[in-house]
N, C-alpha and C. Protein backbone atom coordinates (compact mmCIF):
# COMPACT_ATOMS: atom_id res chain seq x y z
N TYR A 1 88.55 -263.23 -194.58
CA TYR A 1 88.19 -265.28 -194.64
C TYR A 1 86.75 -265.35 -195.41
N GLU A 2 86.56 -266.10 -195.50
CA GLU A 2 85.31 -267.01 -196.13
C GLU A 2 84.28 -267.68 -195.04
N GLU A 3 82.59 -267.05 -194.42
CA GLU A 3 83.18 -267.34 -193.73
C GLU A 3 82.21 -269.26 -194.38
N ILE A 4 82.21 -269.97 -193.19
CA ILE A 4 82.11 -271.10 -193.06
C ILE A 4 81.00 -271.81 -192.24
N PRO A 5 80.17 -272.54 -192.79
CA PRO A 5 78.67 -273.00 -192.09
C PRO A 5 78.99 -273.25 -190.91
N GLY A 6 78.25 -273.19 -189.28
CA GLY A 6 78.48 -273.52 -187.86
C GLY A 6 77.01 -273.20 -187.64
N GLY A 7 76.32 -273.43 -186.02
CA GLY A 7 75.62 -272.57 -185.81
C GLY A 7 75.56 -272.52 -184.44
N TYR A 8 74.58 -272.55 -184.13
CA TYR A 8 74.69 -272.30 -182.24
C TYR A 8 73.26 -272.90 -181.36
N LEU A 9 73.55 -274.10 -180.25
CA LEU A 9 71.80 -273.83 -179.72
C LEU A 9 71.32 -272.38 -178.49
N PRO A 10 69.88 -272.67 -178.83
CA PRO A 10 69.72 -271.47 -177.38
C PRO A 10 70.90 -271.97 -175.70
N PRO A 11 70.67 -270.10 -175.95
CA PRO A 11 72.18 -270.33 -174.99
C PRO A 11 71.52 -270.52 -173.44
N PHE A 12 71.86 -270.77 -172.44
CA PHE A 12 70.95 -270.75 -171.10
C PHE A 12 71.75 -270.25 -169.63
N TYR A 13 71.25 -269.95 -169.10
CA TYR A 13 71.72 -268.78 -168.14
C TYR A 13 71.99 -269.88 -166.62
N PRO A 14 72.39 -269.32 -166.06
CA PRO A 14 72.74 -269.65 -164.22
C PRO A 14 71.28 -270.00 -163.52
N PRO A 15 70.75 -270.85 -163.13
CA PRO A 15 69.78 -271.21 -162.65
C PRO A 15 68.98 -269.78 -162.55
N ASP A 16 69.62 -269.18 -161.84
CA ASP A 16 68.83 -267.78 -161.10
C ASP A 16 68.67 -267.04 -162.70
N PHE A 17 68.43 -267.36 -163.54
CA PHE A 17 68.44 -266.79 -164.65
C PHE A 17 66.77 -267.66 -165.66
N PRO A 18 66.34 -267.40 -166.54
CA PRO A 18 66.55 -266.06 -166.79
C PRO A 18 65.77 -264.88 -166.12
N PRO A 19 65.79 -263.42 -166.09
CA PRO A 19 65.08 -263.06 -164.88
C PRO A 19 63.65 -263.31 -164.56
N PRO A 20 63.00 -262.95 -163.32
CA PRO A 20 61.99 -262.77 -163.28
C PRO A 20 60.88 -262.74 -164.02
N GLY A 21 59.58 -262.91 -163.99
CA GLY A 21 58.28 -262.25 -164.59
C GLY A 21 58.75 -262.19 -166.40
N ASN A 22 58.73 -261.35 -167.11
CA ASN A 22 59.08 -261.44 -168.44
C ASN A 22 59.96 -260.80 -169.44
N LEU A 23 61.18 -260.22 -168.10
CA LEU A 23 62.19 -259.65 -168.41
C LEU A 23 63.01 -259.72 -169.03
N PRO A 24 63.95 -259.57 -170.57
CA PRO A 24 64.45 -260.08 -170.84
C PRO A 24 65.74 -260.59 -170.49
N PRO A 25 66.12 -261.30 -171.06
CA PRO A 25 67.85 -261.52 -170.10
C PRO A 25 68.76 -260.52 -170.79
N CYS A 26 69.50 -260.07 -169.70
CA CYS A 26 70.87 -259.54 -170.16
C CYS A 26 71.80 -259.67 -171.21
N LEU A 27 71.20 -260.68 -171.77
CA LEU A 27 72.87 -260.68 -172.80
C LEU A 27 71.69 -262.33 -174.05
N ASP A 28 71.63 -261.73 -175.38
CA ASP A 28 70.88 -262.66 -176.07
C ASP A 28 72.04 -262.36 -177.37
N VAL A 29 71.61 -264.14 -178.29
CA VAL A 29 71.98 -264.05 -178.97
C VAL A 29 72.23 -263.76 -180.96
N GLU A 30 72.11 -262.86 -181.38
CA GLU A 30 71.56 -262.85 -182.72
C GLU A 30 72.05 -263.90 -183.50
N ASP A 31 73.37 -263.86 -183.89
CA ASP A 31 73.93 -264.65 -184.74
C ASP A 31 75.34 -265.20 -184.33
N VAL A 32 75.42 -266.48 -185.11
CA VAL A 32 77.22 -266.20 -185.05
C VAL A 32 77.78 -266.52 -186.17
N GLN A 33 78.84 -266.13 -186.48
CA GLN A 33 79.55 -266.85 -188.12
C GLN A 33 80.87 -266.96 -187.31
N TYR A 34 81.25 -268.35 -188.40
CA TYR A 34 82.00 -268.82 -188.15
C TYR A 34 83.50 -268.49 -189.60
N PHE A 35 84.63 -268.35 -189.51
CA PHE A 35 85.69 -267.80 -190.08
C PHE A 35 86.97 -269.11 -190.61
N CYS A 36 87.90 -269.54 -190.57
CA CYS A 36 88.83 -270.56 -191.20
C CYS A 36 90.19 -269.34 -190.99
N THR A 37 90.99 -268.62 -189.89
CA THR A 37 91.98 -267.71 -190.04
C THR A 37 92.99 -268.68 -190.19
N PRO A 38 94.27 -268.14 -189.97
CA PRO A 38 95.98 -268.73 -189.77
C PRO A 38 96.23 -269.25 -188.42
N SER A 39 95.21 -268.76 -187.78
CA SER A 39 95.14 -269.14 -186.42
C SER A 39 95.04 -270.10 -185.48
N GLY A 40 93.12 -270.41 -187.00
CA GLY A 40 91.95 -271.76 -186.83
C GLY A 40 90.86 -271.37 -186.84
N LEU A 41 90.06 -271.52 -185.44
CA LEU A 41 88.76 -271.45 -185.90
C LEU A 41 88.44 -269.92 -185.10
N GLU A 42 87.33 -269.42 -185.69
CA GLU A 42 86.91 -267.79 -185.51
C GLU A 42 85.51 -268.10 -184.97
N ALA A 43 84.89 -267.15 -183.92
CA ALA A 43 83.89 -267.42 -184.35
C ALA A 43 83.20 -265.93 -184.06
N ASP A 44 82.41 -265.07 -184.95
CA ASP A 44 82.29 -263.89 -184.56
C ASP A 44 80.52 -263.83 -183.76
N LEU A 45 80.43 -263.16 -183.17
CA LEU A 45 79.53 -263.35 -181.69
C LEU A 45 78.46 -261.73 -182.29
N TYR A 46 77.48 -262.09 -182.46
CA TYR A 46 76.65 -260.72 -182.56
C TYR A 46 75.59 -261.11 -181.69
N LEU A 47 75.32 -260.10 -180.44
CA LEU A 47 74.63 -260.33 -179.44
C LEU A 47 73.83 -259.02 -179.03
N HIS A 48 73.10 -259.15 -178.79
CA HIS A 48 72.23 -258.09 -178.59
C HIS A 48 71.42 -257.75 -176.53
N ASP A 49 71.59 -256.67 -176.35
CA ASP A 49 71.12 -256.43 -174.47
C ASP A 49 70.00 -256.00 -174.57
N HIS A 50 69.45 -257.03 -175.26
CA HIS A 50 67.85 -256.33 -174.61
C HIS A 50 67.43 -255.56 -173.47
N ALA A 51 68.29 -255.79 -172.33
CA ALA A 51 67.71 -255.55 -171.41
C ALA A 51 68.39 -253.83 -170.85
N GLY A 52 69.46 -253.08 -171.86
CA GLY A 52 70.06 -252.16 -171.93
C GLY A 52 71.11 -252.16 -170.35
N PHE A 53 71.43 -253.36 -170.34
CA PHE A 53 72.21 -253.91 -169.07
C PHE A 53 73.59 -252.83 -169.84
N GLY A 54 73.80 -252.65 -170.89
CA GLY A 54 75.05 -251.27 -171.15
C GLY A 54 76.19 -252.21 -171.06
N GLY A 55 76.35 -253.65 -171.03
CA GLY A 55 78.03 -253.86 -171.05
C GLY A 55 78.22 -253.51 -172.64
N ASP A 56 79.64 -253.24 -172.01
CA ASP A 56 80.29 -252.88 -173.76
C ASP A 56 82.07 -254.07 -173.78
N SER A 57 81.62 -254.78 -172.78
CA SER A 57 82.99 -255.87 -172.63
C SER A 57 82.92 -257.23 -172.56
N ILE A 58 83.33 -258.61 -173.16
CA ILE A 58 82.90 -259.53 -172.78
C ILE A 58 83.81 -259.99 -172.54
N LYS A 59 84.04 -261.05 -171.28
CA LYS A 59 84.61 -262.22 -171.23
C LYS A 59 83.92 -263.42 -171.55
N ALA A 60 85.06 -264.36 -172.57
CA ALA A 60 84.66 -266.03 -172.43
C ALA A 60 85.50 -266.90 -172.25
N LEU A 61 85.07 -268.23 -171.80
CA LEU A 61 85.78 -268.64 -171.28
C LEU A 61 85.03 -270.12 -171.46
N SER A 62 86.28 -271.22 -172.39
CA SER A 62 85.58 -272.60 -172.26
C SER A 62 85.18 -273.60 -171.15
N LYS A 63 83.81 -273.67 -171.74
CA LYS A 63 83.19 -275.13 -170.75
C LYS A 63 83.57 -276.80 -170.84
N THR A 64 83.81 -276.56 -172.11
CA THR A 64 84.49 -277.91 -172.68
C THR A 64 85.62 -278.58 -172.73
N PRO A 65 85.48 -279.59 -171.75
CA PRO A 65 87.28 -279.77 -171.31
C PRO A 65 87.97 -280.33 -172.46
N GLY A 66 88.99 -279.38 -172.45
CA GLY A 66 90.14 -280.00 -173.91
C GLY A 66 89.94 -278.81 -174.76
N VAL A 67 89.13 -277.94 -174.65
CA VAL A 67 89.16 -277.06 -176.01
C VAL A 67 89.20 -275.61 -174.92
N GLY A 68 90.29 -274.72 -175.77
CA GLY A 68 90.69 -273.98 -175.29
C GLY A 68 89.51 -272.58 -176.09
N VAL A 69 89.75 -271.48 -175.13
CA VAL A 69 88.25 -270.44 -176.04
C VAL A 69 89.30 -268.37 -175.75
N THR A 70 89.54 -268.60 -176.68
CA THR A 70 90.49 -266.71 -176.24
C THR A 70 89.23 -265.94 -177.20
N SER A 71 89.46 -264.77 -176.42
CA SER A 71 88.75 -263.73 -176.23
C SER A 71 89.86 -262.44 -176.47
N PRO A 72 90.05 -262.34 -177.82
CA PRO A 72 91.22 -261.19 -178.08
C PRO A 72 90.48 -259.76 -178.01
N MET A 73 90.02 -259.76 -178.91
CA MET A 73 89.20 -258.21 -178.21
C MET A 73 88.09 -257.97 -178.18
N SER A 74 87.62 -256.97 -177.19
CA SER A 74 86.11 -256.71 -176.84
C SER A 74 85.92 -255.33 -177.66
N HIS A 75 84.72 -255.82 -178.40
CA HIS A 75 84.25 -254.02 -178.77
C HIS A 75 82.94 -253.68 -178.24
N ALA A 76 82.64 -252.30 -179.01
CA ALA A 76 81.89 -251.58 -178.34
C ALA A 76 80.32 -252.48 -178.71
N PRO A 77 78.94 -252.14 -177.93
CA PRO A 77 78.18 -253.49 -178.77
C PRO A 77 77.72 -252.68 -180.24
N GLY A 78 77.42 -253.91 -180.51
CA GLY A 78 76.75 -253.65 -182.18
C GLY A 78 77.53 -254.13 -182.93
N THR A 79 78.90 -254.55 -182.69
CA THR A 79 79.83 -255.11 -183.62
C THR A 79 80.05 -256.57 -183.18
N PRO A 80 80.78 -257.24 -183.90
CA PRO A 80 80.43 -258.93 -183.09
C PRO A 80 81.99 -258.89 -182.34
N TYR A 81 81.82 -260.07 -181.26
CA TYR A 81 82.77 -260.24 -180.37
C TYR A 81 83.32 -261.15 -180.98
N THR A 82 84.51 -261.16 -180.85
CA THR A 82 85.34 -262.42 -181.78
C THR A 82 86.18 -263.37 -180.96
N ILE A 83 85.92 -264.73 -180.88
CA ILE A 83 86.56 -265.65 -180.18
C ILE A 83 87.29 -266.47 -181.07
N GLY A 84 88.15 -267.26 -180.01
CA GLY A 84 89.04 -267.87 -181.53
C GLY A 84 88.93 -269.77 -180.53
N ILE A 85 88.80 -270.44 -181.22
CA ILE A 85 88.67 -271.43 -180.53
C ILE A 85 89.27 -272.62 -181.21
N THR A 86 89.98 -272.92 -179.63
CA THR A 86 91.11 -274.60 -180.48
C THR A 86 91.03 -275.73 -179.24
N GLY A 87 91.48 -276.41 -180.08
CA GLY A 87 91.36 -277.83 -179.35
C GLY A 87 90.26 -278.93 -179.65
N HIS A 88 89.43 -278.56 -180.55
CA HIS A 88 87.74 -279.71 -179.82
C HIS A 88 87.90 -279.76 -181.82
N TYR A 89 87.20 -280.81 -181.85
CA TYR A 89 87.22 -281.79 -182.92
C TYR A 89 85.94 -281.41 -184.42
N PRO A 90 86.61 -280.84 -185.52
CA PRO A 90 84.94 -280.61 -186.48
C PRO A 90 83.64 -280.70 -186.31
N GLY A 91 82.94 -279.75 -186.09
CA GLY A 91 80.78 -280.62 -185.78
C GLY A 91 80.97 -280.69 -184.21
N ASP A 92 81.92 -280.53 -183.39
CA ASP A 92 81.61 -280.85 -181.94
C ASP A 92 80.73 -279.40 -181.25
N THR A 93 80.38 -279.75 -180.72
CA THR A 93 79.73 -278.83 -179.77
C THR A 93 79.89 -278.64 -178.76
N VAL A 94 80.36 -276.96 -178.97
CA VAL A 94 81.33 -276.27 -177.81
C VAL A 94 81.37 -275.66 -176.70
N ASP A 95 80.55 -275.72 -175.86
CA ASP A 95 80.01 -274.81 -174.59
C ASP A 95 80.84 -273.56 -174.21
N VAL A 96 79.88 -272.50 -174.14
CA VAL A 96 81.45 -271.24 -174.12
C VAL A 96 80.92 -270.56 -173.38
N GLY A 97 81.08 -270.52 -172.18
CA GLY A 97 80.68 -269.09 -170.83
C GLY A 97 80.71 -267.68 -170.85
N LEU A 98 80.01 -266.81 -170.85
CA LEU A 98 80.16 -265.16 -171.49
C LEU A 98 79.99 -264.80 -170.23
N CYS A 99 80.68 -263.81 -169.88
CA CYS A 99 80.17 -262.47 -169.40
C CYS A 99 80.43 -261.15 -169.73
N PHE A 100 79.31 -261.13 -169.49
CA PHE A 100 79.33 -259.28 -170.22
C PHE A 100 79.37 -258.33 -169.70
N TYR A 101 80.31 -257.41 -169.56
CA TYR A 101 80.49 -256.08 -168.61
C TYR A 101 80.54 -255.17 -169.37
N ARG A 102 80.62 -254.24 -168.07
CA ARG A 102 81.30 -252.64 -168.73
C ARG A 102 82.75 -252.28 -167.97
N GLN A 103 83.23 -252.33 -169.12
CA GLN A 103 84.86 -251.73 -168.79
C GLN A 103 85.25 -251.07 -167.57
N SER A 104 84.16 -250.39 -167.79
CA SER A 104 84.11 -249.03 -165.96
C SER A 104 83.91 -249.66 -164.70
N ASP A 105 83.00 -250.21 -165.24
CA ASP A 105 83.08 -250.73 -163.82
C ASP A 105 83.85 -251.88 -163.40
N ARG A 106 84.92 -252.71 -164.06
CA ARG A 106 85.55 -253.27 -163.89
C ARG A 106 87.27 -252.81 -163.18
N ASP A 107 87.42 -251.32 -164.00
CA ASP A 107 88.43 -251.01 -163.93
C ASP A 107 88.17 -250.23 -162.46
N LYS A 108 87.26 -250.32 -161.81
CA LYS A 108 87.39 -249.76 -160.63
C LYS A 108 87.76 -250.64 -159.39
N GLY A 109 87.86 -251.70 -160.35
CA GLY A 109 88.25 -252.90 -158.76
C GLY A 109 87.72 -253.75 -158.70
N GLY A 110 87.78 -254.45 -157.69
CA GLY A 110 86.68 -255.22 -156.86
C GLY A 110 86.02 -256.14 -157.73
N TYR A 111 84.78 -256.08 -157.75
CA TYR A 111 83.65 -257.11 -157.33
C TYR A 111 82.40 -255.72 -158.46
N TYR A 112 82.35 -257.06 -160.17
CA TYR A 112 81.69 -255.75 -160.82
C TYR A 112 80.49 -256.28 -161.31
N PRO A 113 79.37 -256.03 -161.49
CA PRO A 113 78.37 -256.93 -162.37
C PRO A 113 78.77 -257.09 -163.57
N CYS A 114 78.38 -258.72 -164.25
CA CYS A 114 78.85 -258.98 -164.83
C CYS A 114 77.25 -260.24 -165.21
N CYS A 115 77.11 -260.53 -166.32
CA CYS A 115 76.21 -260.97 -166.93
C CYS A 115 76.14 -262.11 -167.33
N LYS A 116 76.08 -263.48 -167.24
CA LYS A 116 76.47 -264.52 -167.80
C LYS A 116 75.24 -265.48 -168.35
N MET A 117 76.29 -265.96 -168.73
CA MET A 117 75.43 -267.10 -170.35
C MET A 117 76.16 -267.82 -170.99
N THR A 118 75.84 -268.71 -170.46
CA THR A 118 76.45 -270.48 -171.29
C THR A 118 76.22 -270.34 -173.04
N LEU A 119 76.74 -270.43 -174.00
CA LEU A 119 76.27 -270.44 -175.81
C LEU A 119 76.65 -271.90 -175.98
N PRO A 120 75.98 -272.46 -176.43
CA PRO A 120 76.52 -274.21 -176.84
C PRO A 120 76.68 -273.35 -178.75
N LEU A 121 78.11 -273.85 -178.57
CA LEU A 121 78.56 -273.75 -180.00
C LEU A 121 78.44 -274.83 -181.02
N ARG A 122 77.61 -275.04 -182.21
CA ARG A 122 77.70 -276.06 -183.08
C ARG A 122 79.36 -275.86 -184.13
N THR A 123 80.21 -276.52 -183.69
CA THR A 123 80.92 -275.73 -184.60
C THR A 123 81.66 -276.19 -185.94
N PRO A 124 81.98 -276.05 -186.58
CA PRO A 124 81.37 -276.27 -188.25
C PRO A 124 82.30 -277.18 -189.02
N ALA A 125 82.00 -278.73 -189.71
CA ALA A 125 82.39 -279.61 -189.57
C ALA A 125 83.31 -279.53 -190.81
N VAL A 126 84.46 -278.41 -190.06
CA VAL A 126 85.53 -278.43 -191.24
C VAL A 126 86.35 -277.52 -190.78
N SER A 127 88.16 -278.55 -191.35
CA SER A 127 89.27 -278.15 -189.94
C SER A 127 89.86 -277.33 -190.22
N CYS A 128 90.11 -276.13 -189.75
CA CYS A 128 90.75 -275.04 -189.28
C CYS A 128 92.25 -274.89 -189.65
N GLU A 129 92.36 -276.55 -189.56
CA GLU A 129 94.28 -276.33 -188.91
C GLU A 129 95.42 -276.37 -189.40
N PRO A 130 96.07 -275.20 -189.76
CA PRO A 130 97.03 -274.76 -190.13
C PRO A 130 97.85 -276.22 -190.77
């Protein structure tokens, strides 16, 4: 697919983040690339685990009413996490809530540590509707 221009705003963290002192946040954004696919707009998130949290999976959800976010796949660190965005207007800023975790922790069941961050994505001013 051909990359289309878009951007993102600085991510923000829950009120108890960023961590105290000069600790890096457990998740940071290096780049976001957008693509039009047959199923609509896709965003590839390049994330960086500065703190060595060791997460290998991501859960994404939309924090913008009416907009859907799907995260069909999760990858090992270093490769992009791909999410689909639907129901937005081209050029809208969509707030995506991310939870970054270790699959092995989740597989144990019960509560598992999850690094949370909200990433405002500035969607491209291009319609990807099929």
